[in-house]
Amino acid sequence: MKSLVVAVASFATLVLVGYACGDGGQLGATPGPIGTTTPTGATASPGETGPTETPTSAPSPSDTPGAQAISKIAFATDRDSNFEIYVMDADGSDQIRLTGNLGKDFAPAWSADGRHIAFQSDREGTTSIYIMDSDGSNQTRLTDDLGIDGSPAWSPDGSRIAFSSDRDGNFEVYVVNADRSGLIRLTDNSAEDFAPTWSPDGSRIAFQSNRDGNPSIYVMNVDGSNQTRLTDDSAADAVPAWSPVGSRIAFNSVRDGNFEVYVMNADGSNQTRLTDDPASDGVPAWSPDGTRIAFQSDRGGTPSIYVINADGSDRTRLTDDSAEDAAPTWSPAP
């Protein structure tokens, strides 16, 4: 199995399942009906809420572009025997399955208007980027290459999708128009570049790269110019996520011994740890009002979706299933 190592090597969910091109995901069980509510994991587990995690230093003020709105969280789960895309309300209720096939569907990403979700899937043999309506209808293949295409991210205006691909020999960051035209390669080096995320104003893309030895967070202009390193630590920093108004970037790091969620200013300053648990916490995703961060954690035994305030307080578990729930992504404000 060839893996798209988007997170960094030891985060099992991302590497072994989430960003992999394998045997088509034929794991034995017949998928259930699409668009129905699953009865498991709809509420937080007892004892999970409360200000149980304190950041190691005070982060920058929260991004608050507007009043908190009702929104949804898409995520990937293998509760139906292979990874599929689900969506739920932001409180963990009303969990609904959007995809259903024998391939692995992973890494959902909402469009800025909330009407579409991009994701990666190996349903047709190779891992490619697909687009569907937010209710799971009209699933369409966007990229079609013999290489692995993964970790899609929509531009703020909805016209383009950035993604990672090894189609030219090693993983680089590419951009393609949402109508499949205008494919452009943005990075070009012998290292591995992964996990692009757009700034809210559409002018820059943050990503992770190991070009300087270990995975770190970088940023570049949308045309690929001015590639600049933001984090420089002996440990791995990965999976950046830009805040809604663009002042901060969340990411995960093993600099304190295991994967935790961190946040920093968009220029790389004030790097602050938000979670502190012996388990693996990562793949952060901001709420549309910038006050909360969803992430995946295996602190309960299997990877599940949690949410915290942007200062690291008030941790709440959203999914509670014996399967793996991973890669959350928050919808824009309705």
C-alpha atoms as a PDB file:
ATOM      1  CA  MET A   1       0.000   0.000   0.000  1.00  0.00           C
ATOM      2  CA  LYS A   2       1.320   3.413  -0.983  1.00  0.00           C
ATOM      3  CA  SER A   3       0.432   6.183   1.457  1.00  0.00           C
ATOM      4  CA  LEU A   4      -0.031   9.935   1.128  1.00  0.00           C
ATOM      5  CA  VAL A   5       1.690  10.874   4.369  1.00  0.00           C
ATOM      6  CA  VAL A   6      -0.266  14.040   4.927  1.00  0.00           C
ATOM      7  CA  ALA A   7      -0.113  14.137   8.664  1.00  0.00           C
ATOM      8  CA  VAL A   8       3.252  12.560   9.550  1.00  0.00           C
ATOM      9  CA  ALA A   9       4.289   8.992   9.765  1.00  0.00           C
ATOM     10  CA  SER A  10       2.963   7.756  13.094  1.00  0.00           C
ATOM     11  CA  PHE A  11      -0.561   9.229  13.142  1.00  0.00           C
ATOM     12  CA  ALA A  12      -2.272   5.936  12.326  1.00  0.00           C
ATOM     13  CA  THR A  13      -5.619   7.171  11.109  1.00  0.00           C
ATOM     14  CA  LEU A  14      -4.186   9.594   8.597  1.00  0.00           C
ATOM     15  CA  VAL A  15      -1.446   7.397   7.260  1.00  0.00           C
ATOM     16  CA  LEU A  16      -2.849   3.884   7.305  1.00  0.00           C
ATOM     17  CA  VAL A  17      -6.428   4.704   6.367  1.00  0.00           C
ATOM     18  CA  GLY A  18      -7.055   8.310   5.506  1.00  0.00           C
ATOM     19  CA  TYR A  19      -4.489   9.086   2.872  1.00  0.00           C
ATOM     20  CA  ALA A  20      -3.841   5.720   1.317  1.00  0.00           C
ATOM     21  CA  CYS A  21      -4.275   4.043  -2.014  1.00  0.00           C
ATOM     22  CA  GLY A  22      -4.984   0.392  -1.409  1.00  0.00           C
ATOM     23  CA  ASP A  23      -7.130  -2.546  -2.439  1.00  0.00           C
ATOM     24  CA  GLY A  24     -10.323  -0.645  -3.154  1.00  0.00           C
ATOM     25  CA  GLY A  25     -11.630  -0.928   0.392  1.00  0.00           C
ATOM     26  CA  GLN A  26     -13.464  -4.238  -0.063  1.00  0.00           C
ATOM     27  CA  LEU A  27     -13.616  -5.082   3.624  1.00  0.00           C
ATOM     28  CA  GLY A  28     -16.530  -7.480   3.550  1.00  0.00           C
ATOM     29  CA  ALA A  29     -19.628  -5.660   4.781  1.00  0.00           C
ATOM     30  CA  THR A  30     -22.406  -4.303   2.624  1.00  0.00           C
ATOM     31  CA  PRO A  31     -22.792  -0.525   2.973  1.00  0.00           C
ATOM     32  CA  GLY A  32     -26.015   0.711   4.506  1.00  0.00           C
ATOM     33  CA  PRO A  33     -28.402   3.163   2.853  1.00  0.00           C
ATOM     34  CA  ILE A  34     -27.079   6.639   2.105  1.00  0.00           C
ATOM     35  CA  GLY A  35     -28.744   9.667   3.643  1.00  0.00           C
ATOM     36  CA  THR A  36     -30.010   7.974   6.797  1.00  0.00           C
ATOM     37  CA  THR A  37     -29.239   8.881  10.362  1.00  0.00           C
ATOM     38  CA  THR A  38     -26.933   6.597  12.312  1.00  0.00           C
ATOM     39  CA  PRO A  39     -28.035   5.980  15.912  1.00  0.00           C
ATOM     40  CA  THR A  40     -24.530   5.852  17.378  1.00  0.00           C
ATOM     41  CA  GLY A  41     -22.367   8.693  18.607  1.00  0.00           C
ATOM     42  CA  ALA A  42     -24.932  11.454  18.400  1.00  0.00           C
ATOM     43  CA  THR A  43     -24.185  12.984  21.776  1.00  0.00           C
ATOM     44  CA  ALA A  44     -21.098  13.719  23.809  1.00  0.00           C
ATOM     45  CA  SER A  45     -19.958  11.103  26.289  1.00  0.00           C
ATOM     46  CA  PRO A  46     -20.473  11.830  29.986  1.00  0.00           C
ATOM     47  CA  GLY A  47     -17.649  13.788  31.554  1.00  0.00           C
ATOM     48  CA  GLU A  48     -16.186  15.088  28.303  1.00  0.00           C
ATOM     49  CA  THR A  49     -17.369  18.672  28.599  1.00  0.00           C
ATOM     50  CA  GLY A  50     -15.742  21.288  30.778  1.00  0.00           C
ATOM     51  CA  PRO A  51     -12.546  23.352  30.807  1.00  0.00           C
ATOM     52  CA  THR A  52     -10.280  20.314  31.029  1.00  0.00           C
ATOM     53  CA  GLU A  53      -7.448  21.507  28.782  1.00  0.00           C
ATOM     54  CA  THR A  54      -5.518  24.682  29.380  1.00  0.00           C
ATOM     55  CA  PRO A  55      -3.109  26.030  26.747  1.00  0.00           C
ATOM     56  CA  THR A  56       0.520  26.387  27.757  1.00  0.00           C
ATOM     57  CA  SER A  57       0.450  30.110  27.002  1.00  0.00           C
ATOM     58  CA  ALA A  58      -2.184  32.654  26.082  1.00  0.00           C
ATOM     59  CA  PRO A  59      -3.083  32.541  22.379  1.00  0.00           C
ATOM     60  CA  SER A  60      -3.997  35.519  20.249  1.00  0.00           C
ATOM     61  CA  PRO A  61      -7.554  36.856  20.479  1.00  0.00           C
ATOM     62  CA  SER A  62     -10.202  34.676  18.866  1.00  0.00           C
ATOM     63  CA  ASP A  63     -11.233  35.223  15.279  1.00  0.00           C
ATOM     64  CA  THR A  64     -14.828  36.423  15.405  1.00  0.00           C
ATOM     65  CA  PRO A  65     -16.056  37.559  11.977  1.00  0.00           C
ATOM     66  CA  GLY A  66     -19.678  37.393  13.109  1.00  0.00           C
ATOM     67  CA  ALA A  67     -22.148  35.881  15.496  1.00  0.00           C
ATOM     68  CA  GLN A  68     -22.018  32.109  15.930  1.00  0.00           C
ATOM     69  CA  ALA A  69     -24.276  30.395  13.427  1.00  0.00           C
ATOM     70  CA  ILE A  70     -25.712  26.908  13.258  1.00  0.00           C
ATOM     71  CA  SER A  71     -23.354  24.824  11.142  1.00  0.00           C
ATOM     72  CA  LYS A  72     -22.397  21.241  10.362  1.00  0.00           C
ATOM     73  CA  ILE A  73     -19.278  19.111  10.525  1.00  0.00           C
ATOM     74  CA  ALA A  74     -18.362  16.593   7.841  1.00  0.00           C
ATOM     75  CA  PHE A  75     -16.019  13.756   8.755  1.00  0.00           C
ATOM     76  CA  ALA A  76     -14.825  10.348   7.599  1.00  0.00           C
ATOM     77  CA  THR A  77     -15.633   7.120   9.431  1.00  0.00           C
ATOM     78  CA  ASP A  78     -15.236   3.390   8.919  1.00  0.00           C
ATOM     79  CA  ARG A  79     -18.269   2.472  11.058  1.00  0.00           C
ATOM     80  CA  ASP A  80     -19.816   0.862   7.969  1.00  0.00           C
ATOM     81  CA  SER A  81     -16.707  -1.346   7.406  1.00  0.00           C
ATOM     82  CA  ASN A  82     -14.905   1.045   5.065  1.00  0.00           C
ATOM     83  CA  PHE A  83     -14.331   4.780   5.200  1.00  0.00           C
ATOM     84  CA  GLU A  84     -17.257   6.917   4.058  1.00  0.00           C
ATOM     85  CA  ILE A  85     -18.149  10.598   4.415  1.00  0.00           C
ATOM     86  CA  TYR A  86     -20.700  11.556   7.066  1.00  0.00           C
ATOM     87  CA  VAL A  87     -22.115  14.888   8.168  1.00  0.00           C
ATOM     88  CA  MET A  88     -23.536  15.899  11.557  1.00  0.00           C
ATOM     89  CA  ASP A  89     -24.774  18.971  13.344  1.00  0.00           C
ATOM     90  CA  ALA A  90     -22.055  20.870  15.171  1.00  0.00           C
ATOM     91  CA  ASP A  91     -23.266  19.464  18.512  1.00  0.00           C
ATOM     92  CA  GLY A  92     -22.742  15.879  17.282  1.00  0.00           C
ATOM     93  CA  SER A  93     -26.402  15.125  16.598  1.00  0.00           C
ATOM     94  CA  ASP A  94     -28.092  13.964  13.395  1.00  0.00           C
ATOM     95  CA  GLN A  95     -25.166  11.975  11.953  1.00  0.00           C
ATOM     96  CA  ILE A  96     -25.956  11.173   8.318  1.00  0.00           C
ATOM     97  CA  ARG A  97     -24.028   9.123   5.784  1.00  0.00           C
ATOM     98  CA  LEU A  98     -23.318  10.867   2.462  1.00  0.00           C
ATOM     99  CA  THR A  99     -21.286   8.312   0.507  1.00  0.00           C
ATOM    100  CA  GLY A 100     -21.616   4.560   0.136  1.00  0.00           C
ATOM    101  CA  ASN A 101     -19.291   2.419  -1.968  1.00  0.00           C
ATOM    102  CA  LEU A 102     -16.555  -0.189  -1.586  1.00  0.00           C
ATOM    103  CA  GLY A 103     -13.741   2.346  -1.895  1.00  0.00           C
ATOM    104  CA  LYS A 104     -12.264   4.539   0.828  1.00  0.00           C
ATOM    105  CA  ASP A 105     -13.768   8.052   0.929  1.00  0.00           C
ATOM    106  CA  PHE A 106     -11.822  10.475   3.105  1.00  0.00           C
ATOM    107  CA  ALA A 107     -10.676  14.074   3.694  1.00  0.00           C
ATOM    108  CA  PRO A 108     -13.945  15.996   3.146  1.00  0.00           C
ATOM    109  CA  ALA A 109     -13.683  19.730   2.440  1.00  0.00           C
ATOM    110  CA  TRP A 110     -16.610  22.158   2.238  1.00  0.00           C
ATOM    111  CA  SER A 111     -16.936  24.782  -0.467  1.00  0.00           C
ATOM    112  CA  ALA A 112     -17.200  28.350   0.797  1.00  0.00           C
ATOM    113  CA  ASP A 113     -20.911  28.556   0.000  1.00  0.00           C
ATOM    114  CA  GLY A 114     -21.640  25.255   1.757  1.00  0.00           C
ATOM    115  CA  ARG A 115     -23.251  23.730  -1.323  1.00  0.00           C
ATOM    116  CA  HIS A 116     -20.520  21.221  -2.185  1.00  0.00           C
ATOM    117  CA  ILE A 117     -18.037  18.901  -0.499  1.00  0.00           C
ATOM    118  CA  ALA A 118     -14.782  17.790  -2.098  1.00  0.00           C
ATOM    119  CA  PHE A 119     -13.177  14.571  -0.897  1.00  0.00           C
ATOM    120  CA  GLN A 120     -10.677  11.922  -1.911  1.00  0.00           C
ATOM    121  CA  SER A 121     -11.637   8.383  -2.899  1.00  0.00           C
ATOM    122  CA  ASP A 122     -10.052   5.266  -4.375  1.00  0.00           C
ATOM    123  CA  ARG A 123     -13.423   3.899  -5.569  1.00  0.00           C
ATOM    124  CA  GLU A 124     -12.206   3.710  -9.177  1.00  0.00           C
ATOM    125  CA  GLY A 125      -8.805   2.186  -8.444  1.00  0.00           C
ATOM    126  CA  THR A 126      -6.556   5.164  -7.846  1.00  0.00           C
ATOM    127  CA  THR A 127      -7.024   7.835  -5.172  1.00  0.00           C
ATOM    128  CA  SER A 128      -8.578  10.888  -6.847  1.00  0.00           C
ATOM    129  CA  ILE A 129     -10.474  14.056  -5.942  1.00  0.00           C
ATOM    130  CA  TYR A 130     -14.270  13.962  -6.149  1.00  0.00           C
ATOM    131  CA  ILE A 131     -16.983  16.586  -5.652  1.00  0.00           C
ATOM    132  CA  MET A 132     -20.552  16.063  -4.435  1.00  0.00           C
ATOM    133  CA  ASP A 133     -23.454  18.220  -3.356  1.00  0.00           C
ATOM    134  CA  SER A 134     -23.611  18.710   0.405  1.00  0.00           C
ATOM    135  CA  ASP A 135     -26.478  16.201   0.647  1.00  0.00           C
ATOM    136  CA  GLY A 136     -24.335  13.487  -0.989  1.00  0.00           C
ATOM    137  CA  SER A 137     -25.878  13.700  -4.455  1.00  0.00           C
ATOM    138  CA  ASN A 138     -24.099  14.266  -7.777  1.00  0.00           C
ATOM    139  CA  GLN A 139     -20.807  12.603  -6.856  1.00  0.00           C
ATOM    140  CA  THR A 140     -18.389  13.490  -9.654  1.00  0.00           C
ATOM    141  CA  ARG A 141     -14.735  12.675 -10.236  1.00  0.00           C
ATOM    142  CA  LEU A 142     -12.604  15.811 -10.562  1.00  0.00           C
ATOM    143  CA  THR A 143      -9.090  14.422 -11.128  1.00  0.00           C
ATOM    144  CA  ASP A 144      -8.133  11.333 -13.104  1.00  0.00           C
ATOM    145  CA  ASP A 145      -4.468  10.396 -12.955  1.00  0.00           C
ATOM    146  CA  LEU A 146      -2.460   7.254 -12.247  1.00  0.00           C
ATOM    147  CA  GLY A 147      -0.888   8.978  -9.258  1.00  0.00           C
ATOM    148  CA  ILE A 148      -2.449   9.640  -5.853  1.00  0.00           C
ATOM    149  CA  ASP A 149      -4.475  12.857  -5.515  1.00  0.00           C
ATOM    150  CA  GLY A 150      -5.622  13.779  -2.009  1.00  0.00           C
ATOM    151  CA  SER A 151      -6.275  16.364   0.719  1.00  0.00           C
ATOM    152  CA  PRO A 152      -8.492  18.742  -1.306  1.00  0.00           C
ATOM    153  CA  ALA A 153      -9.110  22.337  -0.204  1.00  0.00           C
ATOM    154  CA  TRP A 154     -11.512  24.807  -1.839  1.00  0.00           C
ATOM    155  CA  SER A 155     -10.523  28.359  -2.681  1.00  0.00           C
ATOM    156  CA  PRO A 156     -12.631  30.973  -0.846  1.00  0.00           C
ATOM    157  CA  ASP A 157     -14.427  31.953  -4.059  1.00  0.00           C
ATOM    158  CA  GLY A 158     -15.265  28.331  -4.863  1.00  0.00           C
ATOM    159  CA  SER A 159     -13.648  28.396  -8.290  1.00  0.00           C
ATOM    160  CA  ARG A 160     -10.560  26.251  -7.573  1.00  0.00           C
ATOM    161  CA  ILE A 161      -9.421  23.307  -5.493  1.00  0.00           C
ATOM    162  CA  ALA A 162      -5.903  22.829  -4.158  1.00  0.00           C
ATOM    163  CA  PHE A 163      -4.715  19.265  -3.521  1.00  0.00           C
ATOM    164  CA  SER A 164      -1.623  17.091  -3.076  1.00  0.00           C
ATOM    165  CA  SER A 165      -0.482  14.662  -5.757  1.00  0.00           C
ATOM    166  CA  ASP A 166       2.462  12.408  -6.572  1.00  0.00           C
ATOM    167  CA  ARG A 167       1.652  12.363 -10.301  1.00  0.00           C
ATOM    168  CA  ASP A 168       5.079  13.803 -11.126  1.00  0.00           C
ATOM    169  CA  GLY A 169       7.055  11.420  -8.910  1.00  0.00           C
ATOM    170  CA  ASN A 170       6.758  12.944  -5.446  1.00  0.00           C
ATOM    171  CA  PHE A 171       3.993  14.735  -3.602  1.00  0.00           C
ATOM    172  CA  GLU A 172       3.511  18.371  -4.595  1.00  0.00           C
ATOM    173  CA  VAL A 173       0.719  20.927  -4.242  1.00  0.00           C
ATOM    174  CA  TYR A 174      -1.494  21.518  -7.283  1.00  0.00           C
ATOM    175  CA  VAL A 175      -4.496  23.694  -8.075  1.00  0.00           C
ATOM    176  CA  VAL A 176      -7.308  22.873 -10.514  1.00  0.00           C
ATOM    177  CA  ASN A 177     -10.452  24.719 -11.465  1.00  0.00           C
ATOM    178  CA  ALA A 178     -13.677  23.247 -10.134  1.00  0.00           C
ATOM    179  CA  ASP A 179     -14.702  22.432 -13.735  1.00  0.00           C
ATOM    180  CA  ARG A 180     -11.526  20.253 -14.143  1.00  0.00           C
ATOM    181  CA  SER A 181      -9.692  22.825 -16.283  1.00  0.00           C
ATOM    182  CA  GLY A 182      -6.545  24.818 -15.581  1.00  0.00           C
ATOM    183  CA  LEU A 183      -4.408  22.301 -13.658  1.00  0.00           C
ATOM    184  CA  ILE A 184      -1.333  24.078 -12.233  1.00  0.00           C
ATOM    185  CA  ARG A 185       1.559  22.727 -10.168  1.00  0.00           C
ATOM    186  CA  LEU A 186       2.496  25.163  -7.397  1.00  0.00           C
ATOM    187  CA  THR A 187       5.441  23.459  -5.689  1.00  0.00           C
ATOM    188  CA  ASP A 188       8.378  21.745  -7.346  1.00  0.00           C
ATOM    189  CA  ASN A 189      11.125  20.200  -5.243  1.00  0.00           C
ATOM    190  CA  SER A 190      12.447  16.762  -4.323  1.00  0.00           C
ATOM    191  CA  ALA A 191      10.669  16.764  -0.946  1.00  0.00           C
ATOM    192  CA  GLU A 192       7.041  15.965  -0.123  1.00  0.00           C
ATOM    193  CA  ASP A 193       4.516  18.817   0.013  1.00  0.00           C
ATOM    194  CA  PHE A 194       1.059  18.048   1.454  1.00  0.00           C
ATOM    195  CA  ALA A 195      -2.166  19.292   3.009  1.00  0.00           C
ATOM    196  CA  PRO A 196      -2.823  22.702   1.382  1.00  0.00           C
ATOM    197  CA  THR A 197      -5.192  25.164   3.050  1.00  0.00           C
ATOM    198  CA  TRP A 198      -6.271  28.540   1.613  1.00  0.00           C
ATOM    199  CA  SER A 199      -6.139  31.831   3.438  1.00  0.00           C
ATOM    200  CA  PRO A 200      -9.644  33.353   3.746  1.00  0.00           C
ATOM    201  CA  ASP A 201      -8.772  36.190   1.352  1.00  0.00           C
ATOM    202  CA  GLY A 202      -7.595  33.688  -1.265  1.00  0.00           C
ATOM    203  CA  SER A 203      -4.140  35.207  -1.622  1.00  0.00           C
ATOM    204  CA  ARG A 204      -2.038  32.497   0.074  1.00  0.00           C
ATOM    205  CA  ILE A 205      -1.884  28.758   0.672  1.00  0.00           C
ATOM    206  CA  ALA A 206      -0.377  27.136   3.756  1.00  0.00           C
ATOM    207  CA  PHE A 207       0.916  23.568   3.493  1.00  0.00           C
ATOM    208  CA  GLN A 208       3.274  21.098   5.127  1.00  0.00           C
ATOM    209  CA  SER A 209       6.634  20.070   3.673  1.00  0.00           C
ATOM    210  CA  ASN A 210       9.689  18.087   4.717  1.00  0.00           C
ATOM    211  CA  ARG A 211      11.994  19.978   2.329  1.00  0.00           C
ATOM    212  CA  ASP A 212      14.166  21.138   5.218  1.00  0.00           C
ATOM    213  CA  GLY A 213      14.410  17.742   6.903  1.00  0.00           C
ATOM    214  CA  ASN A 214      11.329  17.298   9.052  1.00  0.00           C
ATOM    215  CA  PRO A 215       7.679  18.167   8.308  1.00  0.00           C
ATOM    216  CA  SER A 216       7.038  21.856   8.920  1.00  0.00           C
ATOM    217  CA  ILE A 217       4.364  24.411   8.033  1.00  0.00           C
ATOM    218  CA  TYR A 218       5.022  26.663   5.040  1.00  0.00           C
ATOM    219  CA  VAL A 219       3.059  29.360   3.253  1.00  0.00           C
ATOM    220  CA  MET A 220       3.149  30.591  -0.348  1.00  0.00           C
ATOM    221  CA  ASN A 221       1.303  32.915  -2.672  1.00  0.00           C
ATOM    222  CA  VAL A 222      -1.459  31.294  -4.720  1.00  0.00           C
ATOM    223  CA  ASP A 223       0.768  31.293  -7.790  1.00  0.00           C
ATOM    224  CA  GLY A 224       3.415  29.264  -5.905  1.00  0.00           C
ATOM    225  CA  SER A 225       5.786  32.160  -5.336  1.00  0.00           C
ATOM    226  CA  ASN A 226       7.343  33.334  -2.062  1.00  0.00           C
ATOM    227  CA  GLN A 227       7.384  29.935  -0.304  1.00  0.00           C
ATOM    228  CA  THR A 228       8.203  30.692   3.333  1.00  0.00           C
ATOM    229  CA  ARG A 229       8.718  28.423   6.338  1.00  0.00           C
ATOM    230  CA  LEU A 230       6.534  29.279   9.361  1.00  0.00           C
ATOM    231  CA  THR A 231       7.524  26.578  11.870  1.00  0.00           C
ATOM    232  CA  ASP A 232      11.038  25.357  12.554  1.00  0.00           C
ATOM    233  CA  ASP A 233      11.110  22.658  15.199  1.00  0.00           C
ATOM    234  CA  SER A 234      13.066  19.408  15.477  1.00  0.00           C
ATOM    235  CA  ALA A 235       9.757  17.566  15.719  1.00  0.00           C
ATOM    236  CA  ALA A 236       7.087  17.245  13.024  1.00  0.00           C
ATOM    237  CA  ASP A 237       4.501  19.989  12.412  1.00  0.00           C
ATOM    238  CA  ALA A 238       1.657  19.080  10.071  1.00  0.00           C
ATOM    239  CA  VAL A 239      -1.869  19.619   8.728  1.00  0.00           C
ATOM    240  CA  PRO A 240      -2.333  23.416   8.860  1.00  0.00           C
ATOM    241  CA  ALA A 241      -5.795  24.972   9.032  1.00  0.00           C
ATOM    242  CA  TRP A 242      -6.336  28.688   8.450  1.00  0.00           C
ATOM    243  CA  SER A 243      -8.705  30.543  10.775  1.00  0.00           C
ATOM    244  CA  PRO A 244     -11.815  32.209   9.275  1.00  0.00           C
ATOM    245  CA  VAL A 245     -10.444  35.764   9.275  1.00  0.00           C
ATOM    246  CA  GLY A 246      -6.889  34.702   8.483  1.00  0.00           C
ATOM    247  CA  SER A 247      -5.035  35.892  11.567  1.00  0.00           C
ATOM    248  CA  ARG A 248      -4.111  32.417  12.867  1.00  0.00           C
ATOM    249  CA  ILE A 249      -3.240  28.919  11.704  1.00  0.00           C
ATOM    250  CA  ALA A 250      -3.965  25.758  13.676  1.00  0.00           C
ATOM    251  CA  PHE A 251      -1.814  22.668  13.139  1.00  0.00           C
ATOM    252  CA  ASN A 252      -0.717  19.476  14.868  1.00  0.00           C
ATOM    253  CA  SER A 253       2.751  18.764  16.220  1.00  0.00           C
ATOM    254  CA  VAL A 254       4.701  16.109  18.108  1.00  0.00           C
ATOM    255  CA  ARG A 255       7.125  18.617  19.626  1.00  0.00           C
ATOM    256  CA  ASP A 256       5.948  17.749  23.139  1.00  0.00           C
ATOM    257  CA  GLY A 257       6.211  14.001  22.663  1.00  0.00           C
ATOM    258  CA  ASN A 258       2.913  13.094  21.004  1.00  0.00           C
ATOM    259  CA  PHE A 259       0.464  14.650  18.565  1.00  0.00           C
ATOM    260  CA  GLU A 260      -1.269  17.717  19.967  1.00  0.00           C
ATOM    261  CA  VAL A 261      -3.192  20.631  18.455  1.00  0.00           C
ATOM    262  CA  TYR A 262      -1.372  23.954  18.310  1.00  0.00           C
ATOM    263  CA  VAL A 263      -2.206  27.405  17.039  1.00  0.00           C
ATOM    264  CA  MET A 264       0.022  30.249  15.851  1.00  0.00           C
ATOM    265  CA  ASN A 265      -0.302  33.660  14.300  1.00  0.00           C
ATOM    266  CA  ALA A 266      -0.338  33.605  10.499  1.00  0.00           C
ATOM    267  CA  ASP A 267       3.249  34.866  10.414  1.00  0.00           C
ATOM    268  CA  GLY A 268       4.435  31.896  12.509  1.00  0.00           C
ATOM    269  CA  SER A 269       4.721  33.765  15.813  1.00  0.00           C
ATOM    270  CA  ASN A 270       3.135  32.869  19.171  1.00  0.00           C
ATOM    271  CA  GLN A 271       3.013  29.091  18.684  1.00  0.00           C
ATOM    272  CA  THR A 272       0.758  27.780  21.445  1.00  0.00           C
ATOM    273  CA  ARG A 273      -0.346  24.298  22.451  1.00  0.00           C
ATOM    274  CA  LEU A 274      -4.117  23.884  22.843  1.00  0.00           C
ATOM    275  CA  THR A 275      -4.452  20.199  23.795  1.00  0.00           C
ATOM    276  CA  ASP A 276      -2.443  18.186  26.311  1.00  0.00           C
ATOM    277  CA  ASP A 277      -3.201  14.486  26.478  1.00  0.00           C
ATOM    278  CA  PRO A 278      -1.153  11.264  26.178  1.00  0.00           C
ATOM    279  CA  ALA A 279      -3.304  10.318  23.199  1.00  0.00           C
ATOM    280  CA  SER A 280      -2.948  11.652  19.641  1.00  0.00           C
ATOM    281  CA  ASP A 281      -4.847  14.882  18.886  1.00  0.00           C
ATOM    282  CA  GLY A 282      -4.765  16.377  15.406  1.00  0.00           C
ATOM    283  CA  VAL A 283      -6.363  17.432  12.114  1.00  0.00           C
ATOM    284  CA  PRO A 284      -7.807  20.710  13.449  1.00  0.00           C
ATOM    285  CA  ALA A 285     -10.720  22.488  11.751  1.00  0.00           C
ATOM    286  CA  TRP A 286     -12.052  25.935  12.693  1.00  0.00           C
ATOM    287  CA  SER A 287     -15.699  26.758  13.267  1.00  0.00           C
ATOM    288  CA  PRO A 288     -17.017  29.410  10.850  1.00  0.00           C
ATOM    289  CA  ASP A 289     -17.043  32.059  13.596  1.00  0.00           C
ATOM    290  CA  GLY A 290     -13.505  31.210  14.717  1.00  0.00           C
ATOM    291  CA  THR A 291     -14.443  30.506  18.333  1.00  0.00           C
ATOM    292  CA  ARG A 292     -14.050  26.706  18.282  1.00  0.00           C
ATOM    293  CA  ILE A 293     -11.805  24.034  16.787  1.00  0.00           C
ATOM    294  CA  ALA A 294     -12.848  20.506  15.904  1.00  0.00           C
ATOM    295  CA  PHE A 295     -10.197  17.790  15.861  1.00  0.00           C
ATOM    296  CA  GLN A 296      -9.774  14.035  15.980  1.00  0.00           C
ATOM    297  CA  SER A 297      -8.386  12.215  19.014  1.00  0.00           C
ATOM    298  CA  ASP A 298      -7.922   8.619  20.125  1.00  0.00           C
ATOM    299  CA  ARG A 299      -8.009   9.546  23.816  1.00  0.00           C
ATOM    300  CA  GLY A 300     -11.174   7.484  24.199  1.00  0.00           C
ATOM    301  CA  GLY A 301      -9.582   4.384  22.674  1.00  0.00           C
ATOM    302  CA  THR A 302     -10.534   4.838  19.018  1.00  0.00           C
ATOM    303  CA  PRO A 303     -10.274   8.037  16.966  1.00  0.00           C
ATOM    304  CA  SER A 304     -13.319  10.244  17.543  1.00  0.00           C
ATOM    305  CA  ILE A 305     -14.302  13.831  16.799  1.00  0.00           C
ATOM    306  CA  TYR A 306     -13.941  16.401  19.576  1.00  0.00           C
ATOM    307  CA  VAL A 307     -14.324  20.155  19.781  1.00  0.00           C
ATOM    308  CA  ILE A 308     -12.636  22.776  21.978  1.00  0.00           C
ATOM    309  CA  ASN A 309     -12.831  26.506  22.322  1.00  0.00           C
ATOM    310  CA  ALA A 310     -10.164  28.392  20.398  1.00  0.00           C
ATOM    311  CA  ASP A 311      -8.254  28.921  23.654  1.00  0.00           C
ATOM    312  CA  GLY A 312      -8.143  25.158  24.363  1.00  0.00           C
ATOM    313  CA  SER A 313     -10.918  25.117  26.986  1.00  0.00           C
ATOM    314  CA  ASP A 314     -14.256  23.287  27.186  1.00  0.00           C
ATOM    315  CA  ARG A 315     -13.440  20.030  25.423  1.00  0.00           C
ATOM    316  CA  THR A 316     -16.508  18.126  24.159  1.00  0.00           C
ATOM    317  CA  ARG A 317     -16.687  14.736  22.479  1.00  0.00           C
ATOM    318  CA  LEU A 318     -19.008  14.756  19.460  1.00  0.00           C
ATOM    319  CA  THR A 319     -18.802  11.169  18.211  1.00  0.00           C
ATOM    320  CA  ASP A 320     -18.651   7.997  20.277  1.00  0.00           C
ATOM    321  CA  ASP A 321     -18.482   4.927  18.075  1.00  0.00           C
ATOM    322  CA  SER A 322     -16.395   1.761  18.231  1.00  0.00           C
ATOM    323  CA  ALA A 323     -15.145   2.552  14.725  1.00  0.00           C
ATOM    324  CA  GLU A 324     -12.737   5.318  13.693  1.00  0.00           C
ATOM    325  CA  ASP A 325     -14.085   8.840  13.137  1.00  0.00           C
ATOM    326  CA  ALA A 326     -11.555  11.191  11.589  1.00  0.00           C
ATOM    327  CA  ALA A 327     -10.738  14.274   9.498  1.00  0.00           C
ATOM    328  CA  PRO A 328     -13.446  16.740  10.619  1.00  0.00           C
ATOM    329  CA  THR A 329     -14.204  19.804   8.553  1.00  0.00           C
ATOM    330  CA  TRP A 330     -16.615  22.572   9.523  1.00  0.00           C
ATOM    331  CA  SER A 331     -19.186  23.945   7.095  1.00  0.00           C
ATOM    332  CA  PRO A 332     -19.295  27.687   6.459  1.00  0.00           C
ATOM    333  CA  ALA A 333     -21.944  29.748   8.219  1.00  0.00           C
ATOM    334  CA  PRO A 334     -25.336  29.280   6.547  1.00  0.00           C
END
